[in-house]
Structures are given as C-alpha cells and as structure tokens.
Amino acid sequence: MKILLVSLGCDKNLVDSEMMLGILREKGFSFTDDEAEADAVVVNTCCFINDAKEESINILLEMAELRKSGQIKALVAAGCLAQRYREEIQKEIPEVDAIVGTTAIETIVETVESALAGNGQNHYDDLNKKPLVGAKRIVTTGGHYAYLKIAEGCDKHCTYCVIPKVRGAFRSVPMEELLRQAKELAEGGVKELILVAQETTLYGVDLYGKKTLPELLRALARIEDLYWIRLLYCYPEEITEELIQVIKEEPKICHYLDIPVQHAADRVLRRMGRRTDGAQLRRIIQRLREAIPDICLRTTLITGFPGETEEDFEELTQFVDETEFDRLGVFPYSQEEGTPAAEMPDQVEEEVKCRRRDQIMELQQEIAYEKGEDMIGRVLDVIVEGKVADEDTYVTRTYRDAPGVDGYLFLETTANLMTGDFVRVLVTDSNEYDLIGEIYHE
C-alpha cells in the first residue's frame, strides 16, 4: 500500500509528519508524491491563522474529490485543524475516513488500516499526555538539515493564539530522548540541527524544575557529526544570561536567534497577554548584541491587533526603525474563534491591518538592504542547498539564514559541490534579502 502524506503548517508539524512516515514505514507501507499512485492520503493540517486554515481545508476538499471518485481508497486528516474541528470535518467532508489528533500520531498505522478497511476509526488522546518518544523519523528536508522538536504545547496563553487548545500545555521531551534523536539524525547525514518548540527557551522547566536549554545545547554540541545548531522561537522574557553565554561560547551554535516579539507598544502587548513591555524588549536585544556582536536576530510582528491605534502602530514602526532586526516577518492579525482577542472590541479593518503590514515590510526592506551592503567583504561559512539549473551558481545559506524563512547566498563557482557541503565564501555583493559570493581563497 502506498501513502501520500501532505504536511502543512509549521516545522513542528513537519516533525510530526516525519514521525508518522517512520511509523508507517516500520509497518511496511511505502510512499509516493503522486496522488495518482496513492492508495491512501494523510493530510497533516494546520489552523494557526486563517490563511493556514483555508489551505488545510482546500487540500482536504481536493483530496476528498479523489476519494469520492475512487481514485484513492482512504483519506485521513491529522494535525491541528483535525484536532480542533474534528466534528465539523466529519460533518462537512464525509469523504474523510478517519481523524488523528495532535497527541495520537503513534496510532497512524491503525488509523490508516481501518480507513482502508472501510471502518475508519478516529484516535484522540489527552492533550497533556507525554510527547511521543522512540519513533524513527523519515527526514524530508533533504537530509543535510533537520528539525528537533524539544517540547510540545504552550502555557503562555497569548490572547490571539489557539495553540494551547490544540496542542495542550507545555511538555518537554526528555533530554536523553533528544540526544538519541540528534545522534541518529547526525549518523544519517544531518549536519544542521534546528531546535523548535512552541517556545524553546522554557525547555526542561516541567521535567527538571529549571530551564535546561543551555545544558541541552552543550550536550548536542558534543555530537561529532553536527556542524551547526540553530535556535528558533525563543521568547524574549525567558532568555537568560546562561543561554547567552552558551550561544557565545559553543562554536557549533549559530549566532542566530528567532525572538517572536509580536509588538512593541505596551498597551497592545498587555492586550495580547505578552509578558514583556517595549523597554524590556529593547534591553534584551541590546544585551544580545553586546554579548554577541555578530548575532543575527529574527522576529515576527502582528499588525492590526484589536484596539491597535495609529499611535500604537507609530510606536511599533519606531521600534522596528530603531532596533533594525536582521530578519523580520509581519502578519496581519487573524481573528481566531475561541480566543479572547476574537471577542475584544475595536477589531481593526482588514484593509488597515494589511496597509500597516505593508508599511512595516517596506521599512524592513530598507533595513535589510543596508544589512546586506554591510555584509560585503565578509568571509562566511555556508551550507550548500542545491545548484541553479544550467548555471555555475549554487544556492547556499549562511548562519544568518534559517531554511524556508530567510534569504540565500548565491555562490558563483565552477567547483563541483554537493548538497550539504560546507564552503568558506567571500561575500561580493547583495541583492535585497540575498547575498552573492565566491569561494574564499586565503
């Protein structure tokens, strides 16, 4: 039996998809990317914001047509949308044979087999059960980098976010399991390990009674075959001096930090249920740059949160202008049912949300251009992602570029390079969000 698995949403969801693939492979299933060859389709869905929700629904509807016509024998919905809207999916898309909740991915074999047998069985578990351990993954990112999900769920309860409702409370994966996974990934050829969770900075508080991310990082850095370790989703208020020192001292840890701040106006931050104010954010960013001068800081912002005034937006714009994040993404506020923010008065019009997003991105484009100019003449190690067809140019990433969200360095060379190779490069030019370089010869 051949399975087509469609993974939507974030990198944390991708880890779940890779685990499901591994579990299915252990039971003898094979895989295809071609829906015409598939016996069954599993869609691992997302519902974080409206755009993600729409994409998930559209893919389910597309696959439902194949199920209706008999082209595929079974359709399974998994992930966040399936967890949150399971009753609606069963009612509105009857072609979905079975549903797997976010904490029941280990049941994927039974779920698919029951769907293929015509008696689809849904599987849900307690949202706060311990994270799955021991599963062997099939890495789908090309083999040279992989994500390591170090915790599940979230306790922050920001007023705009549905994650606690679909993923449960914050639960860390035991350190010995993470080290086992990391060693297995490194032995399989992974050179860059990217740590993810809803919030990586709180790792260990539930298991060990304290933040143990620094200890985890030091242990991971001892794995010989890993070259880079990258940190995503570090909440600013949880960044400790110990964590800063580990990033500074361990050569394998990229001088790169993703810090989702969401806003800078105190009034909006309070309404969002965030744990920082604008002054704290500025202090944390200043401290990081003092301690690690070449650190690359990434953030995400929300425009048009309920009650955001033009004055609040002006304060956010000023913050972006002052802070000069190296990488920045902006999302117009998405009104998610079941969240406190969805019921707040003074909802902002969609047109205003998008206009504000566009204004911030225009400003960030100027900042990114200047940052790119500043990189010219620097020598950096890069990881090769692939080759541009019919050109003597390779697509690479620097330590400043997380896959899928940041830019690239285009390396012009006639050398024969392989995906996953590390090369020392001289930056010769920049082009908006990307860099251009050549192999560095000392």
Protein backbone atom coordinates (compact mmCIF):
# COMPACT_ATOMS: atom_id res chain seq x y z
CA MET A 1 0.00 0.00 0.00
CA LYS A 2 1.29 3.44 -0.96
CA ILE A 3 0.73 6.54 1.16
CA LEU A 4 0.80 10.18 0.08
CA LEU A 5 1.40 12.35 3.15
CA VAL A 6 0.79 16.09 2.77
CA SER A 7 2.40 18.13 5.56
CA LEU A 8 1.07 21.66 6.06
CA GLY A 9 1.92 24.43 8.50
CA CYS A 10 4.97 24.86 10.69
CA ASP A 11 8.23 22.97 11.15
CA LYS A 12 6.87 21.50 14.40
CA ASN A 13 4.06 19.91 12.38
CA LEU A 14 6.67 18.66 9.91
CA VAL A 15 8.40 16.72 12.71
CA ASP A 16 5.07 15.02 13.47
CA SER A 17 4.70 14.18 9.76
CA GLU A 18 8.21 12.68 9.67
CA MET A 19 7.40 10.59 12.74
CA MET A 20 4.20 9.31 11.13
CA LEU A 21 6.15 8.40 7.99
CA GLY A 22 8.66 6.50 10.12
CA ILE A 23 5.92 4.61 11.97
CA LEU A 24 4.18 3.71 8.69
CA ARG A 25 7.45 2.55 7.11
CA GLU A 26 8.11 0.22 10.08
CA LYS A 27 4.79 -1.49 9.26
CA GLY A 28 5.65 -1.98 5.60
CA PHE A 29 3.92 0.96 3.94
CA SER A 30 5.65 2.69 1.04
CA PHE A 31 5.28 6.32 -0.05
CA THR A 32 4.61 8.41 -3.11
CA ASP A 33 4.43 12.09 -4.01
CA ASP A 34 1.99 11.33 -6.82
CA GLU A 35 -1.69 11.24 -5.86
CA ALA A 36 -2.36 9.05 -8.94
CA GLU A 37 -0.23 6.29 -7.33
CA ALA A 38 -1.55 6.62 -3.78
CA ASP A 39 -3.84 4.11 -2.08
CA ALA A 40 -4.36 6.44 0.88
CA VAL A 41 -3.71 10.11 1.61
CA VAL A 42 -2.84 11.56 5.03
CA VAL A 43 -3.14 15.36 5.36
CA ASN A 44 -1.35 16.78 8.40
CA THR A 45 -3.25 20.04 8.81
CA CYS A 46 -2.65 23.46 10.37
CA CYS A 47 -5.06 26.02 11.84
CA PHE A 48 -2.78 28.65 13.37
CA ILE A 49 -4.16 31.57 11.33
CA ASN A 50 -6.95 31.93 8.78
CA ASP A 51 -4.66 31.51 5.75
CA ALA A 52 -3.32 28.23 7.15
CA LYS A 53 -6.83 27.07 7.95
CA GLU A 54 -8.01 27.83 4.42
CA GLU A 55 -5.06 26.00 2.88
CA SER A 56 -5.76 22.92 5.03
CA ILE A 57 -9.47 22.91 4.15
CA ASN A 58 -8.75 23.37 0.44
CA ILE A 59 -6.28 20.45 0.41
CA LEU A 60 -8.78 18.25 2.28
CA LEU A 61 -11.51 19.17 -0.22
CA GLU A 62 -9.17 18.46 -3.14
CA MET A 63 -8.32 15.03 -1.71
CA ALA A 64 -11.99 14.41 -0.90
CA GLU A 65 -12.74 14.63 -4.63
CA LEU A 66 -10.17 11.88 -5.28
CA ARG A 67 -11.77 9.81 -2.53
CA LYS A 68 -15.25 10.37 -3.93
CA SER A 69 -14.17 9.30 -7.42
CA GLY A 70 -12.47 6.19 -6.05
CA GLN A 71 -9.01 7.26 -7.21
CA ILE A 72 -7.79 6.84 -3.62
CA LYS A 73 -9.14 4.26 -1.18
CA ALA A 74 -8.79 6.22 2.08
CA LEU A 75 -8.38 9.80 3.34
CA VAL A 76 -7.07 10.59 6.83
CA ALA A 77 -6.95 14.06 8.43
CA ALA A 78 -4.33 14.70 11.12
CA GLY A 79 -2.84 17.68 12.92
CA CYS A 80 -4.16 20.91 14.42
CA LEU A 81 -7.19 21.59 12.18
CA ALA A 82 -8.27 17.96 12.54
CA GLN A 83 -7.91 18.19 16.33
CA ARG A 84 -9.79 21.46 16.63
CA TYR A 85 -12.58 20.96 14.10
CA ARG A 86 -12.99 17.18 14.09
CA GLU A 87 -16.80 17.27 14.34
CA GLU A 88 -17.12 19.87 11.59
CA ILE A 89 -14.77 17.91 9.31
CA GLN A 90 -16.74 14.69 9.79
CA LYS A 91 -19.97 16.53 9.02
CA GLU A 92 -18.85 18.77 6.14
CA ILE A 93 -16.27 16.47 4.47
CA PRO A 94 -17.70 12.94 4.84
CA GLU A 95 -15.04 11.62 2.45
CA VAL A 96 -12.55 11.92 5.33
CA ASP A 97 -12.45 8.33 6.58
CA ALA A 98 -10.63 8.92 9.87
CA ILE A 99 -9.03 11.60 12.04
CA VAL A 100 -5.83 11.54 14.10
CA GLY A 101 -5.49 14.07 16.93
CA THR A 102 -2.29 16.01 17.64
CA THR A 103 -1.27 13.71 20.51
CA ALA A 104 -2.25 10.44 18.83
CA ILE A 105 0.21 10.26 15.93
CA GLU A 106 1.52 6.89 17.15
CA THR A 107 -1.89 5.44 16.11
CA ILE A 108 -1.36 6.38 12.45
CA VAL A 109 -0.96 2.74 11.33
CA GLU A 110 -4.22 1.58 12.95
CA THR A 111 -5.97 4.69 11.64
CA VAL A 112 -4.84 4.18 8.04
CA GLU A 113 -5.53 0.44 8.14
CA SER A 114 -9.05 0.97 9.50
CA ALA A 115 -9.71 3.64 6.84
CA LEU A 116 -8.52 1.28 4.07
CA ALA A 117 -10.73 -1.48 5.50
CA GLY A 118 -13.78 0.78 5.29
CA ASN A 119 -14.37 1.17 9.03
CA GLY A 120 -12.32 4.29 9.75
CA GLN A 121 -11.53 4.79 13.42
CA ASN A 122 -10.70 8.19 14.89
CA HIS A 123 -7.94 8.49 17.50
CA TYR A 124 -7.61 11.30 20.06
CA ASP A 125 -5.67 11.37 23.30
CA ASP A 126 -5.33 13.63 26.32
CA LEU A 127 -3.78 16.87 25.04
CA ASN A 128 -1.41 16.88 28.01
CA LYS A 129 -0.01 13.36 27.61
CA LYS A 130 3.77 12.99 27.41
CA PRO A 131 5.35 13.63 23.99
CA LEU A 132 5.96 10.60 21.79
CA VAL A 133 9.41 9.06 22.22
CA GLY A 134 11.29 6.31 20.40
CA ALA A 135 9.77 6.84 16.94
CA LYS A 136 12.18 6.68 14.00
CA ARG A 137 11.65 9.53 11.58
CA ILE A 138 11.95 9.79 7.84
CA VAL A 139 13.68 13.14 7.27
CA THR A 140 12.00 15.03 4.42
CA THR A 141 14.17 18.16 4.36
CA GLY A 142 16.85 16.81 2.04
CA GLY A 143 18.97 15.04 4.62
CA HIS A 144 21.51 17.77 5.41
CA TYR A 145 19.37 19.62 7.97
CA ALA A 146 16.54 18.54 10.26
CA TYR A 147 14.29 19.95 12.95
CA LEU A 148 14.44 18.66 16.52
CA LYS A 149 11.19 19.32 18.41
CA ILE A 150 12.26 19.69 22.03
CA ALA A 151 8.85 20.35 23.61
CA GLU A 152 5.15 20.19 22.86
CA GLY A 153 2.33 22.63 23.70
CA CYS A 154 2.40 26.01 25.41
CA ASP A 155 1.46 27.61 28.75
CA LYS A 156 1.66 31.27 27.69
CA HIS A 157 -1.99 31.66 26.59
CA CYS A 158 -1.46 34.76 24.46
CA THR A 159 -4.91 36.15 23.76
CA TYR A 160 -4.70 35.67 19.96
CA CYS A 161 -3.39 32.11 19.92
CA VAL A 162 -5.16 28.73 19.66
CA ILE A 163 -2.10 26.55 20.27
CA PRO A 164 -2.91 25.58 23.91
CA LYS A 165 -6.36 24.45 22.73
CA VAL A 166 -4.97 22.14 20.04
CA ARG A 167 -1.56 21.18 21.45
CA GLY A 168 -2.08 21.29 25.21
CA ALA A 169 0.20 22.53 27.99
CA PHE A 170 3.98 22.85 27.70
CA ARG A 171 5.68 19.44 27.93
CA SER A 172 9.41 18.94 27.40
CA VAL A 173 10.83 15.90 25.65
CA PRO A 174 13.30 14.13 27.99
CA MET A 175 16.91 15.10 27.27
CA GLU A 176 18.08 11.52 26.74
CA GLU A 177 15.43 11.09 24.01
CA LEU A 178 16.50 14.31 22.28
CA LEU A 179 20.14 13.24 22.34
CA ARG A 180 19.17 9.84 20.93
CA GLN A 181 17.24 11.52 18.10
CA ALA A 182 20.04 14.01 17.42
CA LYS A 183 22.70 11.28 17.23
CA GLU A 184 20.50 9.23 14.91
CA LEU A 185 19.94 12.25 12.67
CA ALA A 186 23.67 13.07 12.61
CA GLU A 187 24.53 9.47 11.76
CA GLY A 188 22.03 9.73 8.90
CA GLY A 189 23.87 12.71 7.40
CA VAL A 190 22.21 15.69 9.10
CA LYS A 191 24.74 18.49 9.59
CA GLU A 192 22.46 21.30 10.77
CA LEU A 193 20.07 20.68 13.66
CA ILE A 194 17.32 23.25 14.18
CA LEU A 195 15.70 23.28 17.64
CA VAL A 196 11.99 24.06 17.62
CA ALA A 197 9.07 24.09 20.04
CA GLN A 198 6.22 26.48 20.64
CA GLU A 199 8.78 28.05 22.98
CA THR A 200 12.28 26.62 23.13
CA THR A 201 13.55 28.84 25.97
CA LEU A 202 11.41 27.15 28.65
CA TYR A 203 12.79 23.71 27.85
CA GLY A 204 13.07 21.48 30.91
CA VAL A 205 11.08 23.50 33.48
CA ASP A 206 8.41 20.81 33.73
CA LEU A 207 10.83 17.85 33.85
CA TYR A 208 13.83 19.21 35.72
CA GLY A 209 12.42 22.16 37.68
CA LYS A 210 14.53 24.72 35.81
CA LYS A 211 15.33 25.97 32.32
CA THR A 212 17.78 23.42 30.95
CA LEU A 213 18.13 24.59 27.34
CA PRO A 214 21.77 25.61 27.98
CA GLU A 215 22.59 22.09 29.22
CA LEU A 216 20.82 20.53 26.23
CA LEU A 217 22.76 22.77 23.84
CA ARG A 218 26.11 21.86 25.39
CA ALA A 219 25.27 18.15 25.13
CA LEU A 220 24.16 18.50 21.50
CA ALA A 221 27.35 20.39 20.68
CA ARG A 222 29.33 17.29 21.70
CA ILE A 223 27.81 15.26 18.86
CA GLU A 224 30.72 15.00 16.46
CA ASP A 225 28.93 14.93 13.09
CA LEU A 226 26.82 18.05 13.75
CA TYR A 227 28.25 21.28 12.32
CA TRP A 228 25.51 23.81 13.11
CA ILE A 229 22.88 24.02 15.85
CA ARG A 230 20.21 26.68 15.30
CA LEU A 231 17.66 28.03 17.80
CA LEU A 232 14.15 29.13 16.84
CA TYR A 233 11.20 30.53 18.86
CA CYS A 234 12.96 31.96 21.92
CA TYR A 235 10.53 34.07 23.93
CA PRO A 236 12.37 37.26 24.91
CA GLU A 237 11.44 37.24 28.61
CA GLU A 238 12.88 33.72 29.04
CA ILE A 239 16.32 34.43 27.56
CA THR A 240 18.83 34.06 30.40
CA GLU A 241 22.43 35.16 30.77
CA GLU A 242 23.39 31.47 30.88
CA LEU A 243 21.76 30.89 27.48
CA ILE A 244 23.52 33.92 26.01
CA GLN A 245 26.87 32.62 27.24
CA VAL A 246 26.30 29.15 25.77
CA ILE A 247 25.48 30.64 22.36
CA LYS A 248 28.58 32.81 22.61
CA GLU A 249 30.95 30.05 23.76
CA GLU A 250 29.89 26.97 21.77
CA PRO A 251 31.27 27.24 18.22
CA LYS A 252 28.64 24.91 16.73
CA ILE A 253 25.72 27.06 17.90
CA CYS A 254 24.78 29.56 15.20
CA HIS A 255 24.86 33.20 16.27
CA TYR A 256 21.21 33.39 15.26
CA LEU A 257 18.13 33.79 17.41
CA ASP A 258 14.47 33.87 16.47
CA ILE A 259 12.69 36.05 19.06
CA PRO A 260 8.93 36.46 18.41
CA VAL A 261 8.09 39.86 19.96
CA GLN A 262 4.73 40.47 18.14
CA HIS A 263 4.54 44.18 19.05
CA ALA A 264 6.34 47.00 20.90
CA ALA A 265 3.55 49.27 22.20
CA ASP A 266 2.94 48.46 25.86
CA ARG A 267 -0.84 48.86 25.57
CA VAL A 268 -1.01 46.33 22.73
CA LEU A 269 1.41 43.93 24.42
CA ARG A 270 -0.81 43.88 27.52
CA ARG A 271 -3.91 43.17 25.45
CA MET A 272 -2.02 40.37 23.69
CA GLY A 273 -1.21 38.80 27.07
CA ARG A 274 2.51 39.06 26.38
CA ARG A 275 4.99 39.02 29.29
CA THR A 276 7.24 41.89 28.17
CA ASP A 277 7.00 45.62 27.57
CA GLY A 278 8.78 47.75 24.99
CA ALA A 279 11.58 48.77 27.36
CA GLN A 280 12.34 45.15 28.28
CA LEU A 281 12.45 44.16 24.62
CA ARG A 282 14.97 46.89 23.88
CA ARG A 283 17.14 45.83 26.85
CA ILE A 284 17.16 42.15 25.83
CA ILE A 285 18.08 42.98 22.24
CA GLN A 286 20.81 45.36 23.37
CA ARG A 287 22.24 42.71 25.72
CA LEU A 288 22.32 40.07 22.98
CA ARG A 289 24.15 42.40 20.61
CA GLU A 290 26.63 43.50 23.28
CA ALA A 291 27.47 39.89 24.18
CA ILE A 292 27.46 38.51 20.62
CA PRO A 293 28.21 41.36 18.19
CA ASP A 294 27.64 39.28 15.03
CA ILE A 295 24.33 37.78 16.20
CA CYS A 296 21.53 37.68 13.63
CA LEU A 297 18.15 38.46 15.22
CA ARG A 298 14.86 37.44 13.64
CA THR A 299 11.38 38.37 14.82
CA THR A 300 7.71 38.28 13.88
CA LEU A 301 5.14 41.04 14.38
CA ILE A 302 1.36 41.32 14.27
CA THR A 303 -0.33 44.42 12.80
CA GLY A 304 -3.95 45.39 13.37
CA PHE A 305 -4.42 43.64 16.72
CA PRO A 306 -7.81 44.63 18.22
CA GLY A 307 -7.60 48.18 19.55
CA GLU A 308 -4.28 48.99 17.84
CA THR A 309 -4.40 52.75 17.22
CA GLU A 310 -2.36 54.78 14.77
CA GLU A 311 -0.26 55.89 17.78
CA ASP A 312 0.39 52.23 18.71
CA PHE A 313 1.35 51.48 15.13
CA GLU A 314 3.65 54.50 15.02
CA GLU A 315 5.35 53.20 18.17
CA LEU A 316 5.81 49.80 16.51
CA THR A 317 7.25 51.43 13.39
CA GLN A 318 9.67 53.47 15.52
CA PHE A 319 10.74 50.27 17.31
CA VAL A 320 11.46 48.49 14.01
CA ASP A 321 13.39 51.52 12.77
CA GLU A 322 15.48 51.73 15.97
CA THR A 323 16.04 48.04 16.55
CA GLU A 324 16.96 47.09 12.97
CA PHE A 325 16.21 43.39 13.17
CA ASP A 326 18.25 41.39 10.67
CA ARG A 327 15.22 39.32 9.72
CA LEU A 328 11.57 40.26 10.22
CA GLY A 329 8.18 38.90 9.22
CA VAL A 330 4.79 40.60 9.67
CA PHE A 331 1.32 39.04 9.85
CA PRO A 332 -1.96 40.94 9.81
CA TYR A 333 -3.92 39.94 12.93
CA SER A 334 -6.05 36.82 12.34
CA GLN A 335 -9.29 36.68 14.33
CA GLU A 336 -9.32 33.13 15.68
CA GLU A 337 -12.58 31.90 17.15
CA GLY A 338 -12.35 30.67 20.71
CA THR A 339 -9.57 33.09 21.64
CA PRO A 340 -10.03 36.09 23.96
CA ALA A 341 -8.78 38.51 21.28
CA ALA A 342 -11.52 37.43 18.88
CA GLU A 343 -14.12 38.79 21.32
CA MET A 344 -12.32 42.06 22.02
CA PRO A 345 -13.95 45.34 20.93
CA ASP A 346 -12.34 47.65 18.38
CA GLN A 347 -11.47 44.99 15.79
CA VAL A 348 -9.34 46.62 13.09
CA GLU A 349 -10.47 46.57 9.45
CA GLU A 350 -8.66 44.11 7.18
CA GLU A 351 -7.54 46.88 4.84
CA VAL A 352 -5.89 48.75 7.74
CA LYS A 353 -4.16 45.59 9.05
CA CYS A 354 -2.68 44.90 5.61
CA ARG A 355 -1.69 48.52 4.99
CA ARG A 356 0.19 48.56 8.28
CA ARG A 357 1.86 45.25 7.45
CA ASP A 358 2.99 46.62 4.09
CA GLN A 359 4.39 49.78 5.70
CA ILE A 360 6.48 47.76 8.16
CA MET A 361 7.74 45.49 5.38
CA GLU A 362 8.74 48.49 3.25
CA LEU A 363 10.76 49.82 6.18
CA GLN A 364 12.29 46.40 6.80
CA GLN A 365 13.26 46.13 3.15
CA GLU A 366 15.38 49.27 3.55
CA ILE A 367 16.95 47.86 6.72
CA ALA A 368 17.63 44.52 5.01
CA TYR A 369 19.24 46.28 2.05
CA GLU A 370 21.62 48.17 4.36
CA LYS A 371 22.39 44.99 6.33
CA GLY A 372 23.18 43.22 3.05
CA GLU A 373 25.54 46.01 2.00
CA ASP A 374 27.31 45.71 5.35
CA MET A 375 27.99 42.01 4.67
CA ILE A 376 30.04 42.71 1.51
CA GLY A 377 33.68 41.80 2.12
CA ARG A 378 32.92 39.38 4.96
CA VAL A 379 34.08 35.77 4.87
CA LEU A 380 31.42 33.25 5.97
CA ASP A 381 30.90 29.51 6.07
CA VAL A 382 27.86 28.45 4.05
CA ILE A 383 25.93 25.21 3.63
CA VAL A 384 25.08 24.17 0.06
CA GLU A 385 21.34 23.74 -0.67
CA GLY A 386 21.49 22.97 -4.38
CA LYS A 387 22.54 24.20 -7.81
CA VAL A 388 20.82 26.65 -10.14
CA ALA A 389 19.93 24.77 -13.32
CA ASP A 390 22.24 25.45 -16.29
CA GLU A 391 24.33 27.96 -14.34
CA ASP A 392 27.64 27.86 -12.45
CA THR A 393 25.78 29.05 -9.35
CA TYR A 394 24.92 27.25 -6.12
CA VAL A 395 22.17 28.16 -3.67
CA THR A 396 23.64 28.27 -0.15
CA ARG A 397 22.74 29.51 3.33
CA THR A 398 24.86 31.35 5.88
CA TYR A 399 24.48 31.07 9.66
CA ARG A 400 22.19 34.09 9.28
CA ASP A 401 19.63 32.15 7.23
CA ALA A 402 17.17 29.60 8.59
CA PRO A 403 15.70 27.39 5.85
CA GLY A 404 12.38 28.42 4.39
CA VAL A 405 12.09 31.80 6.10
CA ASP A 406 15.27 33.76 5.37
CA GLY A 407 17.36 34.53 2.31
CA TYR A 408 20.18 32.76 0.46
CA LEU A 409 23.74 33.35 -0.63
CA PHE A 410 24.23 32.63 -4.32
CA LEU A 411 27.69 31.18 -4.77
CA GLU A 412 29.23 31.63 -8.21
CA THR A 413 31.78 28.89 -8.88
CA THR A 414 32.71 26.16 -11.38
CA ALA A 415 33.65 23.85 -8.49
CA ASN A 416 31.71 20.60 -8.14
CA LEU A 417 29.80 20.87 -4.84
CA MET A 418 27.25 18.59 -3.18
CA THR A 419 24.16 19.48 -1.18
CA GLY A 420 25.15 19.64 2.48
CA ASP A 421 28.76 20.64 1.81
CA PHE A 422 30.21 23.48 3.87
CA VAL A 423 32.23 26.05 1.94
CA ARG A 424 34.09 29.21 3.01
CA VAL A 425 32.83 32.14 0.95
CA LEU A 426 33.71 35.78 0.38
CA VAL A 427 30.58 37.98 0.08
CA THR A 428 30.96 40.10 -3.06
CA ASP A 429 27.52 41.69 -3.48
CA SER A 430 23.99 41.85 -2.07
CA ASN A 431 20.54 41.93 -3.63
CA GLU A 432 17.71 42.93 -1.28
CA TYR A 433 17.35 39.89 1.02
CA ASP A 434 20.05 37.71 -0.63
CA LEU A 435 23.82 37.77 -0.88
CA ILE A 436 26.21 36.88 -3.70
CA GLY A 437 29.65 35.39 -3.14
CA GLU A 438 32.63 33.44 -4.41
CA ILE A 439 34.81 30.76 -2.86
CA TYR A 440 37.29 32.31 -0.49
CA HIS A 441 40.97 31.59 -1.14
CA GLU A 442 43.33 32.58 1.66
